[in-house]
Protein backbone atom coordinates (compact mmCIF):
# COMPACT_ATOMS: atom_id res chain seq x y z
CA UNK A 1 -12.46 -4.38 1.90
CA UNK A 2 -16.10 -4.04 2.88
CA UNK A 3 -18.64 -5.48 0.52
CA UNK A 4 -18.70 -2.69 -2.01
CA UNK A 5 -21.75 -2.00 -4.13
CA UNK A 6 -20.54 -3.42 -7.45
CA UNK A 7 -23.00 -1.35 -9.46
CA UNK A 8 -21.40 1.67 -7.84
CA UNK A 9 -17.98 0.38 -8.86
CA UNK A 10 -19.17 0.02 -12.42
CA UNK A 11 -20.41 3.61 -12.38
CA UNK A 12 -17.05 4.83 -11.14
CA UNK A 13 -15.16 2.89 -13.79
CA UNK A 14 -17.42 4.54 -16.33
CA UNK A 15 -16.59 7.96 -14.88
CA UNK A 16 -12.87 7.28 -15.14
CA UNK A 17 -13.29 6.38 -18.79
CA UNK A 18 -15.41 9.48 -19.25
CA UNK A 19 -12.48 11.63 -18.14
CA UNK A 20 -11.18 11.30 -21.67
CA UNK A 21 -14.51 12.22 -23.29
CA UNK A 22 -17.45 14.48 -22.71
CA UNK A 23 -19.90 13.44 -20.05
CA UNK A 24 -23.09 12.13 -21.67
CA UNK A 25 -26.71 12.56 -20.57
CA UNK A 26 -26.92 9.10 -19.02
CA UNK A 27 -23.84 9.68 -16.88
CA UNK A 28 -25.18 13.08 -15.79
CA UNK A 29 -28.44 11.49 -14.64
CA UNK A 30 -26.50 8.89 -12.65
CA UNK A 31 -24.45 11.64 -11.02
CA UNK A 32 -27.58 13.59 -10.14
CA UNK A 33 -29.07 10.58 -8.38
CA UNK A 34 -25.89 9.96 -6.43
CA UNK A 35 -25.65 13.64 -5.47
CA UNK A 36 -29.19 13.58 -4.09
CA UNK A 37 -28.34 10.65 -1.84
CA UNK A 38 -24.99 12.09 -0.74
CA UNK A 39 -26.45 15.47 0.21
CA UNK A 40 -29.36 13.81 1.98
CA UNK A 41 -27.11 11.48 4.02
CA UNK A 42 -24.37 14.02 4.82
CA UNK A 43 -24.68 15.53 8.30
CA UNK A 44 -21.29 17.11 8.98
CA UNK A 45 -20.95 19.38 5.97
CA UNK A 46 -21.40 23.09 6.71
CA UNK A 47 -24.24 23.70 4.27
CA UNK A 48 -24.20 21.63 1.09
CA UNK A 49 -21.55 20.26 -1.21
CA UNK A 50 -21.29 22.20 -4.44
CA UNK A 51 -20.92 19.53 -7.09
CA UNK A 52 -19.41 20.25 -10.49
CA UNK A 53 -20.85 17.56 -12.76
CA UNK A 54 -17.93 18.07 -15.15
CA UNK A 55 -15.39 17.34 -12.43
CA UNK A 56 -14.29 13.72 -12.10
CA UNK A 57 -12.89 14.60 -8.68
CA UNK A 58 -16.41 15.53 -7.54
CA UNK A 59 -17.90 12.42 -9.10
CA UNK A 60 -15.36 10.22 -7.37
CA UNK A 61 -16.07 11.97 -4.07
CA UNK A 62 -19.76 11.25 -4.40
CA UNK A 63 -19.06 7.60 -5.10
CA UNK A 64 -16.71 7.24 -2.14
CA UNK A 65 -19.21 9.04 0.09
CA UNK A 66 -21.91 6.61 -0.93
CA UNK A 67 -19.61 3.62 -0.42
CA UNK A 68 -18.72 4.78 3.09
CA UNK A 69 -22.33 5.57 3.99
CA UNK A 70 -23.51 2.16 2.80
CA UNK A 71 -20.79 0.26 4.66
CA UNK A 72 -20.48 2.32 7.85
CA UNK A 73 -21.08 0.13 10.88
CA UNK A 74 -18.98 1.82 13.56
CA UNK A 75 -17.80 5.25 14.63
CA UNK A 76 -14.12 4.37 14.14
CA UNK A 77 -12.35 3.62 10.89
CA UNK A 78 -9.02 2.35 9.55
CA UNK A 79 -7.78 3.31 6.09
CA UNK A 80 -5.03 1.03 4.79
CA UNK A 81 -3.01 2.92 2.15
CA UNK A 82 -0.90 1.13 -0.46
CA UNK A 83 0.98 2.66 -3.35
CA UNK A 84 -1.07 0.47 -5.71
CA UNK A 85 -0.74 -1.95 -8.59
CA UNK A 86 -2.65 -3.31 -11.59
CA UNK A 87 -1.74 -7.01 -11.30
CA UNK A 88 -4.29 -9.59 -10.19
CA UNK A 89 -1.79 -11.10 -7.76
CA UNK A 90 -1.49 -7.67 -6.14
CA UNK A 91 -5.28 -7.21 -6.03
CA UNK A 92 -5.62 -10.56 -4.26
CA UNK A 93 -2.91 -9.58 -1.80
CA UNK A 94 -4.68 -6.31 -1.01
CA UNK A 95 -7.92 -8.25 -0.52
CA UNK A 96 -6.16 -10.56 1.94
CA UNK A 97 -4.75 -7.62 3.89
CA UNK A 98 -8.15 -5.93 4.06
CA UNK A 99 -9.87 -9.15 5.15
CA UNK A 100 -7.38 -9.73 7.94
CA UNK A 101 -7.79 -6.12 9.07
CA UNK A 102 -11.56 -6.56 9.15
CA UNK A 103 -11.26 -9.79 11.13
CA UNK A 104 -8.83 -8.28 13.61
CA UNK A 105 -10.15 -4.76 14.05
CA UNK A 106 -13.84 -5.16 13.20
CA UNK A 107 -14.41 -6.80 16.56
CA UNK A 108 -12.78 -3.74 18.13
CA UNK A 109 -15.32 -1.45 16.53
CA UNK A 110 -13.46 -0.31 13.38
CA UNK A 111 -14.61 -0.17 9.78
CA UNK A 112 -11.86 -0.91 7.24
CA UNK A 113 -11.24 0.50 3.77
CA UNK A 114 -8.25 0.33 1.41
CA UNK A 115 -6.79 3.09 -0.74
CA UNK A 116 -4.13 3.62 -3.41
CA UNK A 117 -1.84 6.64 -3.22
CA UNK A 118 -0.74 6.35 -6.87
CA UNK A 119 -2.98 8.16 -9.36
CA UNK A 120 -1.47 6.15 -12.20
CA UNK A 121 -2.27 2.84 -10.51
CA UNK A 122 -5.81 4.01 -9.75
CA UNK A 123 -6.42 4.98 -13.37
CA UNK A 124 -4.78 1.91 -14.89
CA UNK A 125 -6.48 -0.52 -12.52
CA UNK A 126 -9.86 0.95 -13.49
CA UNK A 127 -8.88 0.81 -17.17
CA UNK A 128 -7.95 -2.87 -16.83
CA UNK A 129 -4.27 -2.62 -17.73
CA UNK A 130 -3.77 -6.36 -17.26
CA UNK A 131 -7.30 -7.49 -18.11
CA UNK A 132 -6.00 -9.33 -21.17
CA UNK A 133 -3.98 -11.56 -18.84
CA UNK A 134 -7.02 -12.25 -16.65
CA UNK A 135 -6.76 -9.42 -14.13
CA UNK A 136 -9.90 -7.76 -12.78
CA UNK A 137 -10.96 -4.26 -13.68
CA UNK A 138 -10.67 -2.75 -10.21
CA UNK A 139 -11.68 0.56 -8.65
CA UNK A 140 -9.55 2.21 -5.99
CA UNK A 141 -9.49 5.80 -4.73
CA UNK A 142 -6.84 8.06 -3.25
CA UNK A 143 -6.66 8.89 0.50
CA UNK A 144 -8.06 12.40 0.02
CA UNK A 145 -11.41 11.09 -1.19
CA UNK A 146 -11.58 8.51 1.61
CA UNK A 147 -10.63 10.95 4.36
CA UNK A 148 -13.15 13.48 3.11
CA UNK A 149 -15.83 10.79 3.10
CA UNK A 150 -14.88 9.73 6.64
CA UNK A 151 -15.25 13.29 7.87
CA UNK A 152 -18.58 13.74 6.13
CA UNK A 153 -19.77 10.45 7.61
CA UNK A 154 -18.90 11.71 11.09
CA UNK A 155 -16.29 9.15 12.12
CA UNK A 156 -15.01 9.88 15.62
CA UNK A 157 -11.64 8.15 15.27
CA UNK A 158 -9.54 7.69 12.14
CA UNK A 159 -6.39 5.58 11.76
CA UNK A 160 -4.43 5.68 8.51
CA UNK A 161 -2.09 2.71 8.12
CA UNK A 162 0.67 2.89 5.54
CA UNK A 163 1.37 -0.31 3.63
CA UNK A 164 4.75 1.13 2.61
CA UNK A 165 8.01 -0.60 3.48
CA UNK A 166 10.13 2.45 4.37
CA UNK A 167 9.30 5.96 5.65
CA UNK A 168 10.13 7.46 2.28
CA UNK A 169 8.43 9.57 -0.37
CA UNK A 170 5.13 7.71 -0.56
CA UNK A 171 4.71 7.37 3.19
CA UNK A 172 5.51 11.01 3.78
CA UNK A 173 3.09 12.06 1.07
CA UNK A 174 0.32 10.17 2.86
CA UNK A 175 1.26 11.53 6.28
CA UNK A 176 2.36 15.06 5.42
CA UNK A 177 -0.03 15.84 2.58
CA UNK A 178 -3.21 13.76 2.69
CA UNK A 179 -3.60 13.46 6.45
CA UNK A 180 -2.28 16.93 7.19
CA UNK A 181 -4.64 18.50 4.64
CA UNK A 182 -7.53 16.62 6.22
CA UNK A 183 -6.57 17.79 9.69
CA UNK A 184 -6.31 21.35 8.35
CA UNK A 185 -9.81 21.07 6.84
CA UNK A 186 -8.18 22.13 3.57
CA UNK A 187 -11.39 22.39 1.53
CA UNK A 188 -13.58 23.63 4.35
CA UNK A 189 -15.82 20.57 4.11
CA UNK A 190 -16.31 20.12 7.85
CA UNK A 191 -17.83 22.15 10.63
CA UNK A 192 -15.68 23.62 13.37
CA UNK A 193 -17.58 21.43 15.79
CA UNK A 194 -16.52 18.31 13.91
CA UNK A 195 -12.89 19.42 13.71
CA UNK A 196 -12.89 19.94 17.49
CA UNK A 197 -14.36 16.47 17.97
CA UNK A 198 -11.52 14.68 16.15
CA UNK A 199 -8.69 16.58 17.80
CA UNK A 200 -6.29 13.91 19.02
CA UNK A 201 -8.45 11.19 17.46
CA UNK A 202 -6.45 10.71 14.24
CA UNK A 203 -3.16 8.78 13.91
CA UNK A 204 -0.92 7.38 11.18
CA UNK A 205 0.55 3.91 11.53
CA UNK A 206 4.25 3.72 10.63
CA UNK A 207 5.42 1.73 7.60
CA UNK A 208 6.99 -1.72 7.83
CA UNK A 209 10.49 -0.46 8.68
CA UNK A 210 9.47 2.81 10.27
CA UNK A 211 11.56 2.35 13.41
CA UNK A 212 15.02 0.92 14.07
CA UNK A 213 13.49 -1.99 15.97
CA UNK A 214 11.35 -2.85 12.93
CA UNK A 215 14.48 -3.61 10.90
CA UNK A 216 15.62 -6.25 13.38
CA UNK A 217 12.13 -7.70 13.64
CA UNK A 218 11.72 -7.92 9.87
CA UNK A 219 15.11 -9.62 9.56
CA UNK A 220 14.02 -12.19 12.14
CA UNK A 221 10.72 -12.75 10.35
CA UNK A 222 12.27 -13.18 6.91
CA UNK A 223 15.04 -15.43 8.18
CA UNK A 224 12.45 -17.76 9.71
CA UNK A 225 10.46 -18.20 6.47
CA UNK A 226 10.69 -21.78 5.22
CA UNK A 227 11.13 -20.94 1.54
CA UNK A 228 13.90 -18.46 2.33
CA UNK A 229 15.67 -21.03 4.48
CA UNK A 230 15.37 -23.51 1.62
CA UNK A 231 16.92 -21.00 -0.78
CA UNK A 232 19.93 -20.59 1.53
CA UNK A 233 20.70 -24.30 1.54
CA UNK A 234 23.68 -25.67 -0.39
CA UNK A 235 25.56 -22.36 -0.39
CA UNK A 236 22.61 -20.49 -1.89
CA UNK A 237 22.27 -16.71 -1.93
CA UNK A 238 19.12 -14.66 -1.23
CA UNK A 239 18.75 -11.16 -2.70
CA UNK A 240 15.87 -8.83 -1.92
CA UNK A 241 14.81 -6.07 -4.30
CA UNK A 242 13.31 -3.01 -2.61
CA UNK A 243 12.07 0.14 -4.28
CA UNK A 244 13.96 2.96 -2.61
CA UNK A 245 13.82 6.69 -3.20
CA UNK A 246 15.96 8.81 -5.52
CA UNK A 247 18.71 10.72 -3.80
CA UNK A 248 18.53 14.50 -3.49
CA UNK A 249 15.50 14.46 -1.20
CA UNK A 250 15.36 14.57 2.56
CA UNK A 251 14.46 10.96 3.18
CA UNK A 252 16.88 10.19 5.97
CA UNK A 253 15.57 7.18 7.79
CA UNK A 254 14.14 5.73 4.56
CA UNK A 255 16.81 4.47 2.15
CA UNK A 256 19.12 3.68 5.06
CA UNK A 257 16.64 0.99 6.10
CA UNK A 258 17.73 -1.21 3.17
CA UNK A 259 21.37 -0.97 4.22
CA UNK A 260 20.46 -1.66 7.84
CA UNK A 261 18.37 -4.68 6.86
CA UNK A 262 21.23 -6.17 4.83
CA UNK A 263 23.60 -5.71 7.78
CA UNK A 264 21.24 -7.45 10.21
CA UNK A 265 20.45 -10.27 7.77
CA UNK A 266 24.14 -10.84 7.07
CA UNK A 267 24.72 -11.29 10.77
CA UNK A 268 22.46 -14.32 10.44
CA UNK A 269 23.87 -15.49 7.11
CA UNK A 270 26.48 -13.62 5.01
CA UNK A 271 24.71 -14.63 1.81
CA UNK A 272 21.83 -12.17 2.23
CA UNK A 273 21.76 -9.02 0.10
CA UNK A 274 19.33 -6.10 -0.17
CA UNK A 275 19.26 -3.75 -3.18
CA UNK A 276 16.77 -1.40 -4.82
CA UNK A 277 15.52 -0.07 -8.12
CA UNK A 278 15.72 3.61 -7.16
CA UNK A 279 18.40 4.17 -4.50
CA UNK A 280 21.73 5.54 -5.60
CA UNK A 281 24.66 3.20 -4.88
CA UNK A 282 22.30 0.30 -4.22
CA UNK A 283 21.22 -0.86 -7.68
CA UNK A 284 21.71 -4.40 -8.96
CA UNK A 285 25.25 -3.67 -10.17
CA UNK A 286 26.10 -2.48 -6.65
CA UNK A 287 24.62 -5.69 -5.21
CA UNK A 288 26.70 -7.69 -7.67
CA UNK A 289 29.82 -5.84 -6.56
CA UNK A 290 29.09 -6.66 -2.91
CA UNK A 291 28.57 -10.32 -3.79
CA UNK A 292 31.95 -10.45 -5.53
CA UNK A 293 33.62 -8.69 -2.60
CA UNK A 294 32.50 -11.62 -0.45
CA UNK A 295 34.07 -14.03 -2.91
CA UNK A 296 30.79 -15.34 -4.27
CA UNK A 297 30.76 -16.66 -7.82
CA UNK A 298 28.44 -19.05 -9.63
CA UNK A 299 26.15 -19.47 -6.62
CA UNK A 300 22.44 -20.11 -6.87
CA UNK A 301 20.67 -16.82 -6.17
CA UNK A 302 16.99 -16.66 -5.21
CA UNK A 303 15.41 -13.25 -5.81
CA UNK A 304 12.56 -11.82 -3.73
CA UNK A 305 10.72 -8.49 -3.89
CA UNK A 306 11.09 -6.41 -0.73
CA UNK A 307 7.77 -4.76 -1.53
CA UNK A 308 4.25 -5.28 -0.24
CA UNK A 309 3.06 -6.82 -3.50
CA UNK A 310 4.51 -8.52 -6.58
CA UNK A 311 3.67 -6.17 -9.45
CA UNK A 312 5.54 -4.47 -12.27
CA UNK A 313 8.85 -4.15 -10.42
CA UNK A 314 8.86 -7.79 -9.30
CA UNK A 315 7.82 -9.27 -12.63
CA UNK A 316 9.71 -6.88 -14.89
CA UNK A 317 12.66 -5.20 -13.16
CA UNK A 318 13.46 -8.30 -11.13
CA UNK A 319 12.28 -11.33 -13.10
CA UNK A 320 12.12 -10.48 -16.82
CA UNK A 321 14.41 -12.88 -18.67
CA UNK A 322 14.05 -10.82 -21.87
CA UNK A 323 15.29 -7.60 -20.28
CA UNK A 324 19.08 -7.44 -20.21
CA UNK A 325 18.93 -4.98 -17.31
CA UNK A 326 16.66 -7.04 -15.05
CA UNK A 327 18.13 -8.49 -11.88
CA UNK A 328 17.61 -11.98 -13.26
CA UNK A 329 19.47 -11.25 -16.49
CA UNK A 330 22.33 -9.31 -14.94
CA UNK A 331 23.01 -11.93 -12.28
CA UNK A 332 23.02 -14.74 -14.80
CA UNK A 333 25.20 -12.74 -17.16
CA UNK A 334 27.67 -12.35 -14.28
CA UNK A 335 27.89 -16.12 -13.86
CA UNK A 336 25.40 -16.69 -11.06
CA UNK A 337 22.50 -19.11 -11.35
CA UNK A 338 19.68 -16.72 -10.53
CA UNK A 339 15.99 -17.44 -10.38
CA UNK A 340 13.21 -14.98 -9.67
CA UNK A 341 10.41 -17.49 -9.37
CA UNK A 342 10.29 -20.32 -6.86
CA UNK A 343 8.34 -23.55 -6.81
CA UNK A 344 8.38 -24.29 -3.09
CA UNK A 345 6.16 -21.50 -1.83
CA UNK A 346 3.39 -22.93 0.41
CA UNK A 347 -0.11 -22.76 -1.03
CA UNK A 348 -1.49 -21.82 2.39
CA UNK A 349 0.59 -18.61 2.42
CA UNK A 350 -0.03 -17.43 -1.13
CA UNK A 351 -2.61 -14.67 -1.44
CA UNK A 352 -2.93 -15.04 -5.21
CA UNK A 353 -6.15 -16.98 -5.70
CA UNK A 354 -4.99 -18.49 -9.01
CA UNK A 355 -1.77 -19.86 -7.57
CA UNK A 356 -1.34 -23.62 -7.86
CA UNK A 357 1.11 -25.21 -5.44
CA UNK A 358 4.35 -26.19 -7.14
CA UNK A 359 4.05 -23.70 -9.97
CA UNK A 360 6.62 -20.89 -10.42
CA UNK A 361 5.71 -18.04 -8.10
CA UNK A 362 6.97 -14.69 -6.78
CA UNK A 363 5.85 -14.07 -3.19
CA UNK A 364 5.77 -10.48 -1.90
CA UNK A 365 6.04 -9.25 1.66
CA UNK A 366 2.31 -8.81 2.29
CA UNK A 367 1.76 -12.44 1.27
CA UNK A 368 3.69 -13.55 4.31
CA UNK A 369 1.48 -13.90 7.40
CA UNK A 370 4.25 -12.95 9.81
CA UNK A 371 5.00 -9.76 7.86
CA UNK A 372 1.33 -8.75 7.73
CA UNK A 373 1.28 -9.07 11.52
CA UNK A 374 4.02 -6.44 11.70
CA UNK A 375 1.90 -3.92 9.80
CA UNK A 376 -1.09 -4.78 11.98
CA UNK A 377 0.97 -4.22 15.11
CA UNK A 378 1.86 -0.77 13.82
CA UNK A 379 -1.86 -0.11 13.49
CA UNK A 380 -2.35 -1.22 17.09
CA UNK A 381 0.44 1.15 18.10
CA UNK A 382 -1.37 4.01 16.34
CA UNK A 383 -4.60 3.12 18.14
CA UNK A 384 -2.72 3.03 21.43
CA UNK A 385 -1.28 6.47 20.69
CA UNK A 386 -4.79 7.87 20.31
CA UNK A 387 -5.85 6.23 23.57
CA UNK A 388 -2.84 7.80 25.27
CA UNK A 389 -3.81 11.25 24.05
CA UNK A 390 -1.01 11.34 21.47
CA UNK A 391 -3.12 11.60 18.32
CA UNK A 392 -2.79 14.42 15.78
CA UNK A 393 -4.10 17.86 16.63
CA UNK A 394 -6.27 20.04 14.44
CA UNK A 395 -5.30 23.71 13.97
CA UNK A 396 -8.60 24.78 15.49
CA UNK A 397 -7.72 23.19 18.81
CA UNK A 398 -3.92 22.98 18.90
CA UNK A 399 -2.37 25.16 21.59
CA UNK A 400 0.04 27.86 20.53
CA UNK A 401 3.66 27.84 21.71
């Protein structure tokens, strides 16, 4: 991400903590100073922003506004949106993604910021959930605050890139709630003139497996990874753990991606499997059943997260040897020789700054250079859509049927 004012980050962490207590005089004075700067620097708001000093939402908005104003270098901006995490390995992965986006798109005239869509991850990251294990206390904000700040800063083009794997619940929430609300000027923060100016100038980049062709490309990318090839040697099995969405919702085109990926991977090697933690009929016991149907028994099984980062799901649901229901435990209980960590992951690829080559490690998708390039290509596709006049329309300018 851009070089954030770390004093500002400390203030915001204080405000998050203050959400559980009354706001003190010192915090109020800090807010007042920030408000003065925000109102002074804001040029696209209709009159002034009415700030409720007792509202953490308003405080966060002021902080994001200031961060954007202090780091704005261009008239175009990219917001990378991840679900979120509280693990240091995940933080480092997000940093790597943001840095590569800056290097690639900064020269094309784009500012880059990164957001979490999970309120729980935002709160827990700021509270230092894993600080005892050496993780940073980190500050992230949701897309609504960032998009509002972008509008107030007068950006002329906005691209929102999902760091999701499938076009499921989280992606659709970003696209159909956050971005749509922004385009509808939900809170009335922006002038009609500004809304007219961004008509067709906003786009959302699809998630990793947003299109059918992405499934084939991801299969090719994963199959070519050296550590995955090594895991397949000597009759080895590779199993990926995705997240998935609960059934009962209209997420056609989302959960099916896991099934499609397994099919394409098995065309390359029949010992690939793809399961989830939240997709009906595709849990670890279902994966085990498919392994047995293929006559597999006692094989070495290397587990990988099919998620952008290695966080709670990877380390707990997949790798926890003390949890009888983890993938690691269930596979071993069924007679396989499963391992969730690997020791042959290349140091040059690992995003985790504390990783030492040869130590046990769980690599996530966004730690793989070739996979990150897929997300970045989706961002380029979104930019191309804007250039072709296919960006999102605002209600103030959209033509009626």
